[in-house]
Amino acid sequence: MLASAVFLAALAAAPADCPARTQALKSWLQTASADGSRGAFSWGGSDKLVAVPFGGGSAAASQPVATELVVTAAGVDDAGKIVSLAEAPRVIAKRIERAEYIAQYNPHAAAHGVLVAAEGDAPAESVQKALAAVAAQHEEVWLVFRPSDGTLTAPPKSKVSDEVAKLPPGDGVLAGLLKRELGGCPGMADLLSRLGQQSQEDLQWKMLVEETPQALEKCACDPAPETVASIWWAFGGFRHLAIRERVPAERIDALPWGKPDAHWSQVAPEIVKALRAAASRH
């Protein structure tokens, strides 16, 4: 009875436009869900991915993957430091070893599989060698792209839009913002707690899309739906959606890599076409 009375009191105190604002948030999340059903997933890595149309299907986004390898014009990313391409096998082995360790204690964590994300100005030859390095360690590998025909756009500006745009990276800074803006709503606090126990980014994103409306239901627009959208856009993986294409190890060298000095952005569209054509034949 007490919980019911508190809920009714909260509803009575809610702004008159609360239902419409909550519905706007739901509609925005449904757009994200629609992209997800086409194969999109949240991507926290490089924002310089090559854009290609959807086409991999939702199954591509459901495959748990242990780690990622970002290929740049200067080499590969090793925990924020760019090292030479020759270091790729070591970087991959170190990340897989860490993933295997985490998977021993976290049933939601994947122990194997590598996403290779190449920035547009990376040499195509470097991408080919990175894929081969992954395959040499008997790991499944996917290429990562940005969807050129995604429908999700930035949410309307909120009271925290400017603040979140200026926040420096760091879990401590983000934790403070989440506690201040969302922690007062029990449903959101519970959702945040469960998100922290989920290590797979694509599954975290799925939880945000599907469970946020229910989490907010009893909080009577406190936090404001617009605030939630701004935070999800900035930190929930909504700003940088990605799609992936599986690359069979036996097909790596047969793909159309172009001229020796080609950039990844020049050959990626044809590589994707070749991968999808081969997949459709099996």
Protein backbone atom coordinates (compact mmCIF):
# COMPACT_ATOMS: atom_id res chain seq x y z
CA MET A 1 0.00 0.00 0.00
CA LEU A 2 2.80 2.42 0.86
CA ALA A 3 4.57 1.81 -2.45
CA SER A 4 1.29 2.36 -4.30
CA ALA A 5 0.69 5.62 -2.43
CA VAL A 6 4.18 6.86 -3.28
CA PHE A 7 3.63 6.00 -6.94
CA LEU A 8 0.31 7.86 -7.03
CA ALA A 9 1.88 10.85 -5.31
CA ALA A 10 4.66 10.91 -7.88
CA LEU A 11 2.16 10.81 -10.71
CA ALA A 12 0.23 13.67 -9.17
CA ALA A 13 3.42 15.74 -9.00
CA ALA A 14 4.47 14.94 -12.56
CA PRO A 15 4.42 17.74 -15.17
CA ALA A 16 1.31 17.77 -17.34
CA ASP A 17 3.39 17.11 -20.45
CA CYS A 18 5.17 14.13 -18.90
CA PRO A 19 3.28 11.45 -20.91
CA ALA A 20 4.06 13.18 -24.22
CA ARG A 21 7.74 13.61 -23.32
CA THR A 22 8.01 10.00 -22.22
CA GLN A 23 6.39 8.88 -25.47
CA ALA A 24 8.93 10.95 -27.42
CA LEU A 25 11.73 9.10 -25.63
CA LYS A 26 10.09 5.77 -26.41
CA SER A 27 9.80 6.69 -30.09
CA TRP A 28 13.48 7.66 -30.19
CA LEU A 29 14.44 4.37 -28.55
CA GLN A 30 12.24 2.48 -31.02
CA THR A 31 14.23 4.05 -33.86
CA ALA A 32 17.39 2.70 -32.23
CA SER A 33 15.71 -0.68 -31.88
CA ALA A 34 14.81 -0.66 -35.58
CA ASP A 35 18.46 -0.12 -36.51
CA GLY A 36 19.39 -2.87 -34.07
CA SER A 37 17.02 -5.30 -35.74
CA ARG A 38 18.89 -4.67 -39.00
CA GLY A 39 22.21 -5.62 -37.42
CA ALA A 40 23.43 -2.45 -35.68
CA PHE A 41 25.18 -2.60 -32.32
CA SER A 42 26.80 -0.03 -30.05
CA TRP A 43 30.42 0.72 -30.83
CA GLY A 44 32.73 2.42 -28.38
CA GLY A 45 35.86 2.41 -30.53
CA SER A 46 37.02 4.63 -33.37
CA ASP A 47 34.49 7.03 -34.89
CA LYS A 48 36.37 7.05 -38.24
CA LEU A 49 34.82 3.88 -39.60
CA VAL A 50 33.98 3.48 -43.28
CA ALA A 51 30.24 3.68 -43.97
CA VAL A 52 28.45 0.89 -45.84
CA PRO A 53 24.73 0.03 -46.15
CA PHE A 54 23.01 -2.43 -43.86
CA GLY A 55 22.98 -5.95 -45.14
CA GLY A 56 24.48 -8.29 -42.56
CA GLY A 57 21.19 -8.99 -40.79
CA SER A 58 20.37 -9.18 -37.10
CA ALA A 59 22.27 -12.44 -36.63
CA ALA A 60 25.52 -10.54 -37.12
CA ALA A 61 24.82 -8.39 -34.07
CA SER A 62 23.94 -11.28 -31.76
CA GLN A 63 27.30 -13.05 -31.93
CA PRO A 64 29.25 -12.44 -28.70
CA VAL A 65 32.77 -11.17 -29.42
CA ALA A 66 35.66 -11.05 -26.97
CA THR A 67 37.63 -8.01 -28.13
CA GLU A 68 38.45 -5.59 -30.93
CA LEU A 69 41.44 -4.44 -32.94
CA VAL A 70 41.48 -0.91 -34.39
CA VAL A 71 43.65 -0.39 -37.46
CA THR A 72 44.81 3.17 -38.18
CA ALA A 73 47.03 4.79 -40.79
CA ALA A 74 49.96 4.50 -38.35
CA GLY A 75 49.42 0.97 -37.00
CA VAL A 76 47.10 -0.66 -34.48
CA ASP A 77 45.67 0.60 -31.21
CA ASP A 78 47.13 -0.99 -28.09
CA ALA A 79 45.19 0.37 -25.09
CA GLY A 80 45.24 3.91 -26.45
CA LYS A 81 48.78 3.76 -27.80
CA ILE A 82 49.37 3.27 -31.53
CA VAL A 83 51.95 0.56 -32.20
CA SER A 84 53.26 -0.85 -35.46
CA LEU A 85 51.26 -3.37 -37.44
CA ALA A 86 53.93 -5.96 -36.65
CA GLU A 87 52.70 -5.81 -33.04
CA ALA A 88 49.17 -6.92 -33.99
CA PRO A 89 49.67 -10.62 -33.06
CA ARG A 90 50.89 -9.62 -29.59
CA VAL A 91 48.04 -7.14 -29.09
CA ILE A 92 45.45 -9.72 -30.16
CA ALA A 93 46.94 -12.47 -27.98
CA LYS A 94 47.02 -10.18 -24.94
CA ARG A 95 43.39 -9.17 -25.39
CA ILE A 96 42.17 -12.71 -25.95
CA GLU A 97 44.06 -13.87 -22.86
CA ARG A 98 42.35 -11.16 -20.83
CA ALA A 99 38.95 -12.07 -22.30
CA GLU A 100 39.46 -15.73 -21.42
CA TYR A 101 40.32 -14.75 -17.85
CA ILE A 102 37.22 -12.56 -17.51
CA ALA A 103 35.01 -15.27 -19.02
CA GLN A 104 35.99 -17.62 -16.18
CA TYR A 105 34.18 -15.38 -13.71
CA ASN A 106 31.55 -13.65 -15.84
CA PRO A 107 29.01 -15.89 -17.59
CA HIS A 108 28.03 -13.00 -19.88
CA ALA A 109 31.55 -12.47 -21.21
CA ALA A 110 32.80 -13.91 -24.48
CA ALA A 111 36.21 -15.59 -24.50
CA HIS A 112 36.87 -15.57 -28.25
CA GLY A 113 36.24 -13.63 -31.46
CA VAL A 114 37.75 -10.36 -32.70
CA LEU A 115 36.21 -7.29 -34.32
CA VAL A 116 38.62 -5.56 -36.70
CA ALA A 117 37.73 -1.88 -37.14
CA ALA A 118 39.78 -0.01 -39.71
CA GLU A 119 39.80 3.75 -40.08
CA GLY A 120 39.20 5.04 -43.58
CA ASP A 121 42.75 6.29 -44.17
CA ALA A 122 44.39 3.04 -43.04
CA PRO A 123 46.24 1.16 -45.79
CA ALA A 124 44.09 -1.65 -47.17
CA GLU A 125 47.15 -3.89 -46.97
CA SER A 126 47.28 -3.24 -43.20
CA VAL A 127 43.67 -4.37 -42.83
CA GLN A 128 44.41 -7.55 -44.77
CA LYS A 129 47.40 -8.30 -42.54
CA ALA A 130 45.39 -7.59 -39.38
CA LEU A 131 42.69 -10.05 -40.48
CA ALA A 132 45.37 -12.65 -41.23
CA ALA A 133 46.92 -12.09 -37.79
CA VAL A 134 43.58 -12.80 -36.13
CA ALA A 135 42.94 -15.88 -38.27
CA ALA A 136 46.45 -17.18 -37.49
CA GLN A 137 45.42 -17.35 -33.83
CA HIS A 138 42.38 -19.45 -34.80
CA GLU A 139 39.94 -16.71 -33.84
CA GLU A 140 36.77 -15.84 -35.75
CA VAL A 141 36.95 -12.34 -37.15
CA TRP A 142 34.51 -9.64 -38.24
CA LEU A 143 35.07 -6.32 -39.99
CA VAL A 144 33.32 -3.32 -38.44
CA PHE A 145 31.64 -0.49 -40.37
CA ARG A 146 29.33 2.43 -39.78
CA PRO A 147 25.85 2.01 -41.31
CA SER A 148 25.38 4.56 -44.09
CA ASP A 149 21.59 4.18 -44.04
CA GLY A 150 20.91 4.14 -40.29
CA THR A 151 17.84 6.05 -39.11
CA LEU A 152 18.83 7.03 -35.56
CA THR A 153 19.62 10.74 -35.10
CA ALA A 154 20.73 12.85 -32.15
CA PRO A 155 17.98 13.55 -29.57
CA PRO A 156 16.70 17.07 -28.82
CA LYS A 157 18.98 19.23 -26.71
CA SER A 158 18.54 18.88 -22.92
CA LYS A 159 19.88 20.59 -19.81
CA VAL A 160 22.91 18.26 -19.80
CA SER A 161 23.71 18.29 -23.54
CA ASP A 162 26.48 20.87 -23.28
CA GLU A 163 27.89 19.27 -20.14
CA VAL A 164 28.14 15.75 -21.53
CA ALA A 165 29.72 17.05 -24.72
CA LYS A 166 32.58 18.56 -22.69
CA LEU A 167 33.13 15.75 -20.19
CA PRO A 168 36.60 14.21 -20.33
CA PRO A 169 36.86 10.43 -20.67
CA GLY A 170 36.94 8.40 -17.49
CA ASP A 171 34.65 6.07 -15.60
CA GLY A 172 34.76 8.24 -12.46
CA VAL A 173 33.44 11.30 -14.25
CA LEU A 174 30.66 9.29 -15.91
CA ALA A 175 29.71 7.57 -12.64
CA GLY A 176 29.25 10.95 -10.96
CA LEU A 177 26.99 12.19 -13.75
CA LEU A 178 24.87 9.03 -13.75
CA LYS A 179 24.43 9.12 -9.98
CA ARG A 180 23.48 12.81 -9.98
CA GLU A 181 21.04 12.70 -12.89
CA LEU A 182 19.62 9.17 -12.81
CA GLY A 183 20.33 7.74 -9.37
CA GLY A 184 17.23 9.24 -7.76
CA CYS A 185 14.93 7.05 -9.87
CA PRO A 186 14.83 3.49 -8.43
CA GLY A 187 14.09 1.94 -11.81
CA MET A 188 17.02 3.68 -13.46
CA ALA A 189 19.33 2.86 -10.54
CA ASP A 190 18.44 -0.82 -10.91
CA LEU A 191 19.00 -0.70 -14.69
CA LEU A 192 22.40 0.94 -14.22
CA SER A 193 23.38 -1.72 -11.68
CA ARG A 194 22.49 -4.55 -14.05
CA LEU A 195 24.26 -2.81 -16.95
CA GLY A 196 27.43 -2.82 -14.87
CA GLN A 197 27.24 -6.61 -14.63
CA GLN A 198 26.96 -7.05 -18.41
CA SER A 199 30.28 -6.97 -20.29
CA GLN A 200 28.98 -7.32 -23.85
CA GLU A 201 28.49 -3.86 -25.40
CA ASP A 202 25.81 -5.01 -27.84
CA LEU A 203 23.80 -6.61 -25.02
CA GLN A 204 24.22 -3.50 -22.86
CA TRP A 205 22.82 -1.44 -25.70
CA LYS A 206 19.89 -3.83 -26.12
CA MET A 207 19.08 -3.41 -22.42
CA LEU A 208 19.16 0.38 -22.73
CA VAL A 209 16.82 0.32 -25.73
CA GLU A 210 14.31 -2.15 -24.34
CA GLU A 211 14.30 -1.44 -20.60
CA THR A 212 14.67 2.33 -20.24
CA PRO A 213 10.93 3.12 -20.69
CA GLN A 214 9.95 0.62 -18.00
CA ALA A 215 12.70 1.86 -15.70
CA LEU A 216 11.39 5.42 -16.00
CA GLU A 217 7.73 4.48 -15.71
CA LYS A 218 7.32 5.20 -12.00
CA CYS A 219 9.62 8.22 -11.82
CA ALA A 220 7.19 10.80 -13.23
CA CYS A 221 9.70 12.54 -15.54
CA ASP A 222 12.36 12.80 -12.85
CA PRO A 223 14.87 12.37 -14.44
CA ALA A 224 13.58 14.18 -17.50
CA PRO A 225 13.26 11.90 -20.54
CA GLU A 226 15.31 14.44 -22.52
CA THR A 227 18.16 14.14 -20.01
CA VAL A 228 18.13 10.36 -20.28
CA ALA A 229 18.27 10.56 -24.08
CA SER A 230 21.23 12.96 -23.98
CA ILE A 231 23.18 10.69 -21.64
CA TRP A 232 22.40 7.57 -23.64
CA TRP A 233 23.40 9.34 -26.85
CA ALA A 234 26.75 10.43 -25.41
CA PHE A 235 27.69 7.39 -23.35
CA GLY A 236 25.34 4.54 -24.20
CA GLY A 237 26.73 3.72 -27.62
CA PHE A 238 23.87 5.38 -29.51
CA ARG A 239 26.05 8.02 -31.20
CA HIS A 240 28.38 5.48 -32.80
CA LEU A 241 26.35 2.55 -34.08
CA ALA A 242 28.17 -0.06 -36.12
CA ILE A 243 27.52 -3.13 -38.21
CA ARG A 244 29.79 -6.11 -38.73
CA GLU A 245 30.62 -8.54 -41.50
CA ARG A 246 32.08 -11.97 -40.78
CA VAL A 247 35.29 -12.75 -42.68
CA PRO A 248 35.98 -16.48 -43.20
CA ALA A 249 39.70 -17.12 -42.77
CA GLU A 250 39.92 -18.97 -46.07
CA ARG A 251 38.57 -15.95 -47.99
CA ILE A 252 40.88 -13.24 -46.64
CA ASP A 253 43.49 -13.35 -49.41
CA ALA A 254 40.87 -13.82 -52.15
CA LEU A 255 39.05 -10.56 -51.34
CA PRO A 256 39.40 -7.59 -53.76
CA TRP A 257 42.15 -5.65 -51.95
CA GLY A 258 42.89 -3.31 -54.84
CA LYS A 259 46.23 -1.69 -55.58
CA PRO A 260 49.12 -2.04 -53.09
CA ASP A 261 48.83 1.62 -52.05
CA ALA A 262 45.01 1.65 -51.73
CA HIS A 263 43.37 3.11 -48.64
CA TRP A 264 40.76 1.10 -46.75
CA SER A 265 38.01 3.57 -47.68
CA GLN A 266 38.70 2.86 -51.38
CA VAL A 267 38.34 -0.92 -51.22
CA ALA A 268 35.95 -1.48 -48.30
CA PRO A 269 32.70 -1.25 -50.33
CA GLU A 270 33.86 -3.93 -52.77
CA ILE A 271 35.13 -6.11 -49.93
CA VAL A 272 31.69 -5.94 -48.28
CA LYS A 273 29.96 -6.82 -51.55
CA ALA A 274 32.23 -9.83 -51.98
CA LEU A 275 31.65 -11.04 -48.42
CA ARG A 276 27.89 -10.69 -48.69
CA ALA A 277 27.79 -12.40 -52.11
CA ALA A 278 29.78 -15.34 -50.73
CA ALA A 279 27.59 -15.57 -47.64
CA SER A 280 24.41 -15.61 -49.76
CA ARG A 281 25.69 -18.64 -51.65
CA HIS A 282 26.04 -20.71 -48.47
